[in-house]
Amino acid sequence: MADGRWPMADGRWPMAVYAFVMQPATPEEMFELVHGVRSDDPSWFEFGDRVLAPDDIVTILKPRLSESRIETIERVLDARTNDVTVVVEGMVDLGNVSAVMRSADGFGVQSFHAIDTANTYKRSRRTTRGTDKWLDRYRWSDVESCYAFLRSRAFQIVVATVGDETTPLDQIDLTERVALVFGNELDGVSRQARELADLEFTIPMAGFAESFNVSVTASIALYATRRQRTRRYGSAGSLDAAERDRVRAVWYLKSVRESRLVVERTLRDGRQPAGTM
């Protein structure tokens, strides 16, 4: 490393780099990343023997949020959608999963699905930087269960693949309910995931590389989807009133420190919101 280059002059990589690249992660770490309590879980609104409406939670917690935080939440809600979702299959690198999550959040996608079929995992320094907690995360153990769930909710399943005979991304209609599926870092999407999908797409390459990194592919596909939907509908955001109210309440709970204690204390002190059920 005396010349400041990696790899070293003799072609070897420093052991520190090997240790970083090969650092293993546990199944529990992947599970924690791709699994969470989703915004449609009733437990968010249950406080002892009481069930609060989303507006009740917002009323209690709003005074504890800054105006800028409230404005940010409303801005993000305006752009949020449940009509586009992201699926990753068999991914090994927690860093890549995190990067795809960040892209999903950044392009306004509310739900994220992981088909967790890998046997070993790898850790990297890339993280979601907290964006995972704003997503509704689903973890599946097989392709069939994930696809069945998506089809029950009228999603068209579109898989990213590599190949000159595959339809280019810009020729795919992405304006209806669509699930974008991305495969693992080495082998891409499995044969089963491809065969059970509705469509396949590719991103044409102009260089020597055969394909982009999975997180880059996801970002390009999500940008194209958002662009098509904005052109057709005027906005990519599509939460209905009930979804918006529910997600807002959950985000308030996630934004206020010890939020559940704050709500419980308010109820215990007799300052129960008028709309409490």
Protein backbone atom coordinates (compact mmCIF):
# COMPACT_ATOMS: atom_id res chain seq x y z
CA MET A 1 0.00 0.00 0.00
CA ALA A 2 3.09 2.24 -0.06
CA ASP A 3 2.05 3.71 -3.41
CA GLY A 4 -1.46 4.48 -2.10
CA ARG A 5 -3.22 2.19 -4.54
CA TRP A 6 -5.61 -0.75 -4.00
CA PRO A 7 -4.84 -3.44 -4.96
CA MET A 8 -1.16 -3.36 -4.08
CA ALA A 9 1.63 -3.36 -6.63
CA ASP A 10 1.82 -7.17 -6.70
CA GLY A 11 -1.91 -7.46 -7.43
CA ARG A 12 -2.92 -8.58 -3.95
CA TRP A 13 -5.58 -6.80 -1.91
CA PRO A 14 -4.73 -5.79 1.66
CA MET A 15 -6.09 -8.17 4.32
CA ALA A 16 -8.12 -5.30 5.78
CA VAL A 17 -10.03 -5.11 2.52
CA TYR A 18 -10.65 -8.86 2.48
CA ALA A 19 -11.95 -8.61 6.03
CA PHE A 20 -14.29 -5.81 5.07
CA VAL A 21 -15.62 -7.46 1.93
CA MET A 22 -16.06 -10.90 3.48
CA GLN A 23 -17.44 -9.81 6.83
CA PRO A 24 -20.39 -12.12 7.48
CA ALA A 25 -23.79 -11.11 8.80
CA THR A 26 -26.27 -13.24 10.67
CA PRO A 27 -29.76 -14.30 9.54
CA GLU A 28 -31.09 -12.32 12.49
CA GLU A 29 -29.56 -9.13 11.10
CA MET A 30 -31.24 -9.65 7.75
CA PHE A 31 -34.53 -10.50 9.46
CA GLU A 32 -34.39 -7.31 11.51
CA LEU A 33 -33.71 -5.26 8.38
CA VAL A 34 -36.51 -6.66 6.21
CA HIS A 35 -39.17 -7.28 8.84
CA GLY A 36 -41.12 -4.76 10.85
CA VAL A 37 -44.52 -3.81 12.26
CA ARG A 38 -46.36 -2.35 9.27
CA SER A 39 -48.59 0.72 9.33
CA ASP A 40 -51.72 -1.42 8.82
CA ASP A 41 -51.04 -3.43 11.99
CA PRO A 42 -53.83 -2.72 14.54
CA SER A 43 -51.32 -2.78 17.41
CA TRP A 44 -50.21 0.76 16.53
CA PHE A 45 -53.61 2.05 17.65
CA GLU A 46 -54.16 -0.17 20.70
CA PHE A 47 -53.43 1.33 24.09
CA GLY A 48 -54.49 -1.07 26.80
CA ASP A 49 -58.19 -1.69 26.36
CA ARG A 50 -58.60 1.38 24.16
CA VAL A 51 -58.32 1.67 20.42
CA LEU A 52 -57.56 5.14 19.11
CA ALA A 53 -58.36 6.54 15.71
CA PRO A 54 -55.39 7.87 13.73
CA ASP A 55 -56.60 11.45 14.19
CA ASP A 56 -56.62 10.97 17.97
CA ILE A 57 -52.95 9.98 17.95
CA VAL A 58 -52.07 12.94 15.76
CA THR A 59 -53.93 15.32 18.07
CA ILE A 60 -52.02 14.07 21.11
CA LEU A 61 -48.57 14.01 19.53
CA LYS A 62 -48.66 17.03 17.21
CA PRO A 63 -47.64 19.55 19.93
CA ARG A 64 -44.42 17.56 20.42
CA LEU A 65 -43.34 17.89 16.79
CA SER A 66 -41.66 20.91 15.24
CA GLU A 67 -43.37 22.75 12.42
CA SER A 68 -40.61 21.67 10.04
CA ARG A 69 -41.12 18.02 10.98
CA ILE A 70 -44.86 18.28 10.44
CA GLU A 71 -44.30 19.93 7.06
CA THR A 72 -41.83 17.20 6.05
CA ILE A 73 -44.29 14.45 6.95
CA GLU A 74 -47.06 16.12 4.92
CA ARG A 75 -44.73 16.62 1.95
CA VAL A 76 -43.69 12.97 2.01
CA LEU A 77 -47.32 11.83 2.34
CA ASP A 78 -48.20 13.87 -0.76
CA ALA A 79 -45.71 11.83 -2.79
CA ARG A 80 -46.32 8.43 -1.18
CA THR A 81 -47.89 5.51 -3.02
CA ASN A 82 -49.06 1.98 -2.37
CA ASP A 83 -49.55 1.40 -6.10
CA VAL A 84 -45.85 0.72 -6.65
CA THR A 85 -43.85 -1.73 -4.57
CA VAL A 86 -40.34 -3.17 -4.59
CA VAL A 87 -39.37 -6.83 -4.20
CA VAL A 88 -35.83 -8.13 -3.63
CA GLU A 89 -35.19 -11.85 -3.96
CA GLY A 90 -32.40 -13.90 -2.39
CA MET A 91 -30.15 -10.96 -1.63
CA VAL A 92 -27.06 -11.63 0.44
CA ASP A 93 -25.54 -8.21 1.11
CA LEU A 94 -27.32 -6.20 3.81
CA GLY A 95 -25.78 -3.08 2.30
CA ASN A 96 -27.45 -3.69 -1.06
CA VAL A 97 -30.80 -4.35 0.59
CA SER A 98 -30.37 -1.13 2.55
CA ALA A 99 -29.53 0.81 -0.60
CA VAL A 100 -32.64 -0.47 -2.40
CA MET A 101 -34.74 0.48 0.63
CA ARG A 102 -33.35 4.01 0.53
CA SER A 103 -34.23 4.26 -3.16
CA ALA A 104 -37.75 2.97 -2.52
CA ASP A 105 -38.30 5.56 0.19
CA GLY A 106 -36.71 8.28 -1.93
CA PHE A 107 -39.09 7.63 -4.82
CA GLY A 108 -42.18 7.57 -2.60
CA VAL A 109 -42.80 3.83 -2.35
CA GLN A 110 -44.47 2.81 0.90
CA SER A 111 -44.06 -0.98 0.86
CA PHE A 112 -41.00 -3.19 0.47
CA HIS A 113 -40.88 -6.99 0.09
CA ALA A 114 -37.92 -9.29 0.69
CA ILE A 115 -37.98 -12.92 -0.43
CA ASP A 116 -35.36 -14.08 2.04
CA THR A 117 -33.96 -17.33 0.63
CA ALA A 118 -30.21 -16.88 1.10
CA ASN A 119 -28.27 -19.20 3.41
CA THR A 120 -25.41 -16.83 4.16
CA TYR A 121 -25.27 -13.07 4.45
CA LYS A 122 -22.70 -10.32 4.15
CA ARG A 123 -22.46 -7.03 5.98
CA SER A 124 -21.22 -3.75 4.54
CA ARG A 125 -21.02 -0.21 5.84
CA ARG A 126 -23.87 1.03 3.69
CA THR A 127 -27.05 1.50 5.69
CA THR A 128 -30.63 2.65 5.20
CA ARG A 129 -29.81 5.71 7.36
CA GLY A 130 -33.12 5.11 9.09
CA THR A 131 -35.31 5.05 5.99
CA ASP A 132 -36.32 1.44 6.66
CA LYS A 133 -38.52 2.49 9.57
CA TRP A 134 -40.72 4.60 7.28
CA LEU A 135 -41.44 1.64 4.98
CA ASP A 136 -43.99 -1.15 5.39
CA ARG A 137 -41.64 -4.14 5.23
CA TYR A 138 -42.74 -7.67 4.29
CA ARG A 139 -40.55 -10.74 4.60
CA TRP A 140 -41.32 -13.91 2.60
CA SER A 141 -39.65 -17.31 2.63
CA ASP A 142 -40.56 -18.23 -0.96
CA VAL A 143 -41.49 -16.70 -4.29
CA GLU A 144 -44.97 -18.26 -4.52
CA SER A 145 -46.23 -16.73 -1.27
CA CYS A 146 -44.94 -13.28 -2.15
CA TYR A 147 -46.37 -13.33 -5.66
CA ALA A 148 -49.72 -14.67 -4.43
CA PHE A 149 -49.98 -11.79 -1.98
CA LEU A 150 -49.10 -9.24 -4.65
CA ARG A 151 -51.59 -10.65 -7.14
CA SER A 152 -54.33 -10.65 -4.50
CA ARG A 153 -53.79 -6.90 -4.44
CA ALA A 154 -53.88 -6.53 -8.23
CA PHE A 155 -50.16 -5.92 -8.75
CA GLN A 156 -48.56 -6.64 -12.10
CA ILE A 157 -45.25 -8.36 -11.37
CA VAL A 158 -42.34 -7.04 -13.46
CA VAL A 159 -38.87 -8.56 -13.13
CA ALA A 160 -35.50 -6.95 -13.88
CA THR A 161 -33.31 -9.25 -15.99
CA VAL A 162 -30.32 -9.09 -18.32
CA GLY A 163 -30.48 -9.93 -22.02
CA ASP A 164 -30.73 -8.39 -25.47
CA GLU A 165 -34.05 -10.14 -26.12
CA THR A 166 -35.72 -8.68 -23.03
CA THR A 167 -37.97 -5.62 -23.38
CA PRO A 168 -36.15 -2.36 -22.54
CA LEU A 169 -37.43 -0.58 -19.44
CA ASP A 170 -38.64 2.47 -21.36
CA GLN A 171 -41.01 0.29 -23.41
CA ILE A 172 -42.83 -1.08 -20.34
CA ASP A 173 -46.07 0.53 -19.11
CA LEU A 174 -45.47 1.25 -15.42
CA THR A 175 -48.52 3.41 -14.75
CA GLU A 176 -50.77 0.72 -13.24
CA ARG A 177 -50.20 -1.12 -9.94
CA VAL A 178 -46.75 -2.61 -10.36
CA ALA A 179 -44.30 -4.68 -8.31
CA LEU A 180 -40.69 -4.30 -9.43
CA VAL A 181 -38.62 -7.41 -8.67
CA PHE A 182 -34.83 -7.43 -8.35
CA GLY A 183 -32.57 -10.42 -7.82
CA ASN A 184 -29.46 -11.11 -5.82
CA GLU A 185 -25.98 -9.74 -6.42
CA LEU A 186 -24.49 -12.76 -8.19
CA ASP A 187 -27.21 -14.64 -10.06
CA GLY A 188 -29.95 -12.05 -10.44
CA VAL A 189 -33.59 -13.10 -10.26
CA SER A 190 -34.20 -16.84 -9.99
CA ARG A 191 -35.74 -18.85 -12.82
CA GLN A 192 -38.85 -19.42 -10.73
CA ALA A 193 -39.30 -15.71 -10.07
CA ARG A 194 -38.96 -15.01 -13.78
CA GLU A 195 -41.30 -17.76 -14.90
CA LEU A 196 -44.03 -16.73 -12.49
CA ALA A 197 -43.77 -13.02 -13.32
CA ASP A 198 -45.99 -11.14 -15.77
CA LEU A 199 -43.23 -9.24 -17.58
CA GLU A 200 -39.46 -8.89 -17.74
CA PHE A 201 -37.45 -5.78 -18.48
CA THR A 202 -33.84 -4.86 -18.97
CA ILE A 203 -31.87 -1.63 -18.81
CA PRO A 204 -29.80 -1.37 -22.02
CA MET A 205 -26.08 -0.97 -21.39
CA ALA A 206 -23.74 1.21 -23.45
CA GLY A 207 -20.45 0.05 -21.95
CA PHE A 208 -18.52 -3.16 -21.31
CA ALA A 209 -20.44 -4.03 -18.14
CA GLU A 210 -23.30 -6.47 -18.60
CA SER A 211 -25.49 -4.87 -15.97
CA PHE A 212 -25.69 -2.28 -13.22
CA ASN A 213 -25.43 -3.00 -9.51
CA VAL A 214 -28.82 -4.05 -8.13
CA SER A 215 -29.27 -0.83 -6.16
CA VAL A 216 -28.54 1.26 -9.26
CA THR A 217 -30.95 -0.86 -11.32
CA ALA A 218 -33.65 -0.37 -8.71
CA SER A 219 -33.10 3.40 -8.67
CA ILE A 220 -33.33 3.66 -12.46
CA ALA A 221 -36.49 1.54 -12.57
CA LEU A 222 -38.12 3.49 -9.75
CA TYR A 223 -37.28 6.79 -11.42
CA ALA A 224 -38.81 5.59 -14.69
CA THR A 225 -41.92 4.42 -12.85
CA ARG A 226 -42.32 7.69 -11.00
CA ARG A 227 -41.82 9.66 -14.19
CA GLN A 228 -44.48 7.69 -16.09
CA ARG A 229 -46.99 7.94 -13.26
CA THR A 230 -46.44 11.67 -12.81
CA ARG A 231 -46.96 12.28 -16.51
CA ARG A 232 -50.19 10.27 -16.53
CA TYR A 233 -51.75 11.27 -13.21
CA GLY A 234 -50.10 14.61 -12.47
CA SER A 235 -48.55 13.19 -9.30
CA ALA A 236 -46.90 9.92 -8.34
CA GLY A 237 -48.48 10.02 -4.88
CA SER A 238 -51.68 7.99 -4.53
CA LEU A 239 -52.51 7.27 -0.89
CA ASP A 240 -56.25 7.46 -0.26
CA ALA A 241 -57.56 9.43 2.72
CA ALA A 242 -57.68 6.44 5.08
CA GLU A 243 -54.17 5.27 4.14
CA ARG A 244 -52.81 8.78 4.53
CA ASP A 245 -54.38 9.21 7.99
CA ARG A 246 -53.10 5.82 9.16
CA VAL A 247 -49.55 6.32 7.89
CA ARG A 248 -49.42 9.86 9.31
CA ALA A 249 -50.38 8.57 12.77
CA VAL A 250 -47.75 5.82 12.63
CA TRP A 251 -45.08 8.28 11.52
CA TYR A 252 -46.01 10.59 14.40
CA LEU A 253 -45.58 7.67 16.78
CA LYS A 254 -42.17 6.96 15.25
CA SER A 255 -41.12 10.61 15.37
CA VAL A 256 -41.85 11.40 19.02
CA ARG A 257 -39.58 9.99 21.71
CA GLU A 258 -41.42 7.53 23.98
CA SER A 259 -44.55 8.27 22.00
CA ARG A 260 -46.62 5.43 23.40
CA LEU A 261 -45.91 6.59 26.95
CA VAL A 262 -46.98 10.11 25.96
CA VAL A 263 -50.28 8.82 24.56
CA GLU A 264 -50.90 6.54 27.55
CA ARG A 265 -50.17 9.36 29.99
CA THR A 266 -52.58 11.64 28.16
CA LEU A 267 -55.33 9.05 28.33
CA ARG A 268 -54.63 8.27 31.97
CA ASP A 269 -54.82 11.95 32.90
CA GLY A 270 -58.29 12.14 31.42
CA ARG A 271 -57.37 14.23 28.40
CA GLN A 272 -58.89 11.69 26.04
CA PRO A 273 -59.47 12.93 22.48
CA ALA A 274 -63.11 13.37 21.58
CA GLY A 275 -62.94 10.88 18.73
CA THR A 276 -61.65 7.94 20.79
CA MET A 277 -63.45 4.69 20.08
